[in-house]
Amino acid sequence: MTLDVGERFPVEKLPHPLDGPAVVYFYPADFTRGCTIEAQRFNDIYDDFRAAGVEVFGVSTQDEESHAGFSAECGLRFPLVADPGTELTEGLGLMKQYGDAGRWAARVTFLLDAGGVVRHVWQVEDVTEHPAEVLDAARELAAAG
């Protein structure tokens, strides 16, 4: 059961309380090609998200150690949420079978308002263009107040 627009995201599972709108994007695995591209694209425009008052969180089922290495390798400036027990990912119905590679988080992004309510959901296909699309929606949400 993935969350729909209008439902509340379990923000208590994030590393710090929301102080405004937020983007929470789920991705399959640290250090994989698509996930690296997506993380770098979010990182490239992170200042634009922050200028709009929006925080970005990346979530996958790897542990803190893996995230620390991935974050350092990519130079990420936004927090990654470790979910090695899959409690958050599984709880949102976001685990996906990737053939012989195993079960990992599906590539899904949520845009939350300051209260943690889902305002937009993306089932991500294009990791290259997706972050800019999310930024546009985040700016609209922030401007709407």
Protein backbone atom coordinates (compact mmCIF):
# COMPACT_ATOMS: atom_id res chain seq x y z
CA MET A 1 0.00 0.00 0.00
CA THR A 2 1.79 3.08 -1.18
CA LEU A 3 0.61 6.42 0.10
CA ASP A 4 -1.70 8.53 -2.01
CA VAL A 5 -2.04 12.28 -2.25
CA GLY A 6 -3.73 13.60 0.88
CA GLU A 7 -2.41 10.88 3.20
CA ARG A 8 0.15 11.51 5.93
CA PHE A 9 3.71 10.24 5.50
CA PRO A 10 5.27 8.70 8.65
CA VAL A 11 7.62 11.68 9.16
CA GLU A 12 8.67 10.34 12.57
CA LYS A 13 10.81 7.83 10.61
CA LEU A 14 12.90 10.65 9.12
CA PRO A 15 16.16 11.74 10.80
CA HIS A 16 14.78 15.09 11.95
CA PRO A 17 11.38 16.81 12.17
CA LEU A 18 10.11 18.68 9.15
CA ASP A 19 10.57 22.43 9.24
CA GLY A 20 8.75 22.91 5.95
CA PRO A 21 7.91 20.93 2.84
CA ALA A 22 10.09 17.92 2.03
CA VAL A 23 10.93 15.52 -0.76
CA VAL A 24 11.37 11.90 0.27
CA TYR A 25 12.67 9.74 -2.54
CA PHE A 26 13.07 5.98 -2.29
CA TYR A 27 15.74 4.30 -4.39
CA PRO A 28 16.88 0.69 -4.78
CA ALA A 29 20.55 0.61 -3.76
CA ASP A 30 23.63 2.71 -3.00
CA PHE A 31 26.39 2.69 -5.63
CA THR A 32 24.24 1.44 -8.50
CA ARG A 33 24.28 3.39 -11.75
CA GLY A 34 20.70 4.70 -11.75
CA CYS A 35 20.71 5.48 -8.04
CA THR A 36 24.00 7.33 -8.33
CA ILE A 37 22.68 9.44 -11.22
CA GLU A 38 19.47 10.23 -9.34
CA ALA A 39 21.32 11.17 -6.13
CA GLN A 40 23.75 13.38 -8.03
CA ARG A 41 20.92 15.13 -9.87
CA PHE A 42 19.13 15.87 -6.58
CA ASN A 43 22.45 17.06 -5.15
CA ASP A 44 23.12 19.32 -8.17
CA ILE A 45 19.91 21.27 -7.47
CA TYR A 46 19.84 20.86 -3.69
CA ASP A 47 20.52 24.58 -3.15
CA ASP A 48 17.41 25.34 -5.23
CA PHE A 49 15.32 23.05 -3.03
CA ARG A 50 16.69 24.74 0.10
CA ALA A 51 16.08 28.21 -1.37
CA ALA A 52 12.42 27.18 -1.71
CA GLY A 53 12.43 25.99 1.93
CA VAL A 54 12.25 22.32 0.94
CA GLU A 55 14.41 19.53 2.43
CA VAL A 56 15.37 16.39 0.50
CA PHE A 57 15.71 12.91 2.00
CA GLY A 58 16.88 9.80 0.15
CA VAL A 59 15.74 6.42 1.51
CA SER A 60 16.95 2.91 0.72
CA THR A 61 17.29 -0.35 2.57
CA GLN A 62 21.07 -0.16 2.99
CA ASP A 63 22.58 0.50 6.40
CA GLU A 64 24.21 3.67 7.78
CA GLU A 65 27.70 2.50 6.80
CA SER A 66 26.69 2.00 3.18
CA HIS A 67 24.92 5.37 3.12
CA ALA A 68 27.96 7.11 4.59
CA GLY A 69 30.17 5.71 1.82
CA PHE A 70 27.64 6.51 -0.89
CA SER A 71 27.08 10.01 0.44
CA ALA A 72 30.84 10.66 0.59
CA GLU A 73 31.47 9.25 -2.89
CA CYS A 74 28.69 11.37 -4.41
CA GLY A 75 29.35 14.45 -2.24
CA LEU A 76 25.72 14.48 -1.11
CA ARG A 77 24.55 17.42 0.99
CA PHE A 78 21.14 16.02 1.92
CA PRO A 79 20.44 13.24 4.43
CA LEU A 80 20.04 9.59 3.52
CA VAL A 81 17.72 7.46 5.63
CA ALA A 82 18.88 3.91 6.34
CA ASP A 83 16.11 1.30 6.42
CA PRO A 84 18.02 -2.02 6.61
CA GLY A 85 15.14 -3.75 8.39
CA THR A 86 12.80 -2.47 5.63
CA GLU A 87 10.28 -1.29 8.25
CA LEU A 88 9.57 2.02 6.51
CA THR A 89 9.91 0.77 2.95
CA GLU A 90 7.89 -2.40 3.51
CA GLY A 91 5.34 -0.50 5.62
CA LEU A 92 4.65 1.77 2.66
CA GLY A 93 4.45 -1.16 0.25
CA LEU A 94 7.53 0.00 -1.62
CA MET A 95 9.58 -3.20 -1.79
CA LYS A 96 10.08 -4.43 -5.35
CA GLN A 97 11.65 -7.56 -6.82
CA TYR A 98 14.50 -6.71 -9.22
CA GLY A 99 14.97 -10.08 -10.89
CA ASP A 100 17.94 -12.03 -9.57
CA ALA A 101 19.32 -8.89 -7.86
CA GLY A 102 16.78 -9.30 -5.05
CA ARG A 103 14.16 -7.18 -3.31
CA TRP A 104 14.92 -3.51 -2.90
CA ALA A 105 13.01 -0.28 -2.52
CA ALA A 106 10.96 0.75 -5.52
CA ARG A 107 11.90 4.05 -7.11
CA VAL A 108 9.12 6.30 -5.76
CA THR A 109 9.23 9.96 -4.72
CA PHE A 110 6.88 11.81 -2.37
CA LEU A 111 6.48 15.57 -2.05
CA LEU A 112 5.23 16.41 1.45
CA ASP A 113 3.84 19.64 2.81
CA ALA A 114 5.10 21.01 6.13
CA GLY A 115 2.57 18.84 7.99
CA GLY A 116 3.82 15.65 6.36
CA VAL A 117 0.82 15.27 4.06
CA VAL A 118 1.60 13.81 0.63
CA ARG A 119 1.00 16.41 -2.10
CA HIS A 120 2.50 14.54 -5.06
CA VAL A 121 3.70 10.98 -5.80
CA TRP A 122 5.99 9.93 -8.64
CA GLN A 123 6.64 6.38 -9.84
CA VAL A 124 10.05 7.19 -11.26
CA GLU A 125 11.14 6.00 -14.69
CA ASP A 126 13.72 8.63 -15.76
CA VAL A 127 16.28 9.31 -13.02
CA THR A 128 17.96 12.00 -15.10
CA GLU A 129 14.99 14.37 -15.51
CA HIS A 130 13.02 13.42 -12.40
CA PRO A 131 14.74 15.66 -9.80
CA ALA A 132 14.12 18.81 -11.87
CA GLU A 133 10.43 17.86 -12.19
CA VAL A 134 10.24 17.41 -8.42
CA LEU A 135 11.90 20.80 -7.90
CA ASP A 136 9.26 22.49 -10.06
CA ALA A 137 6.45 20.89 -8.03
CA ALA A 138 8.23 21.71 -4.76
CA ARG A 139 8.55 25.37 -5.74
CA GLU A 140 4.84 25.51 -6.56
CA LEU A 141 3.96 23.94 -3.21
CA ALA A 142 6.27 26.31 -1.32
CA ALA A 143 4.88 29.34 -3.16
CA ALA A 144 1.32 28.29 -2.37
CA GLY A 145 2.28 28.49 1.27
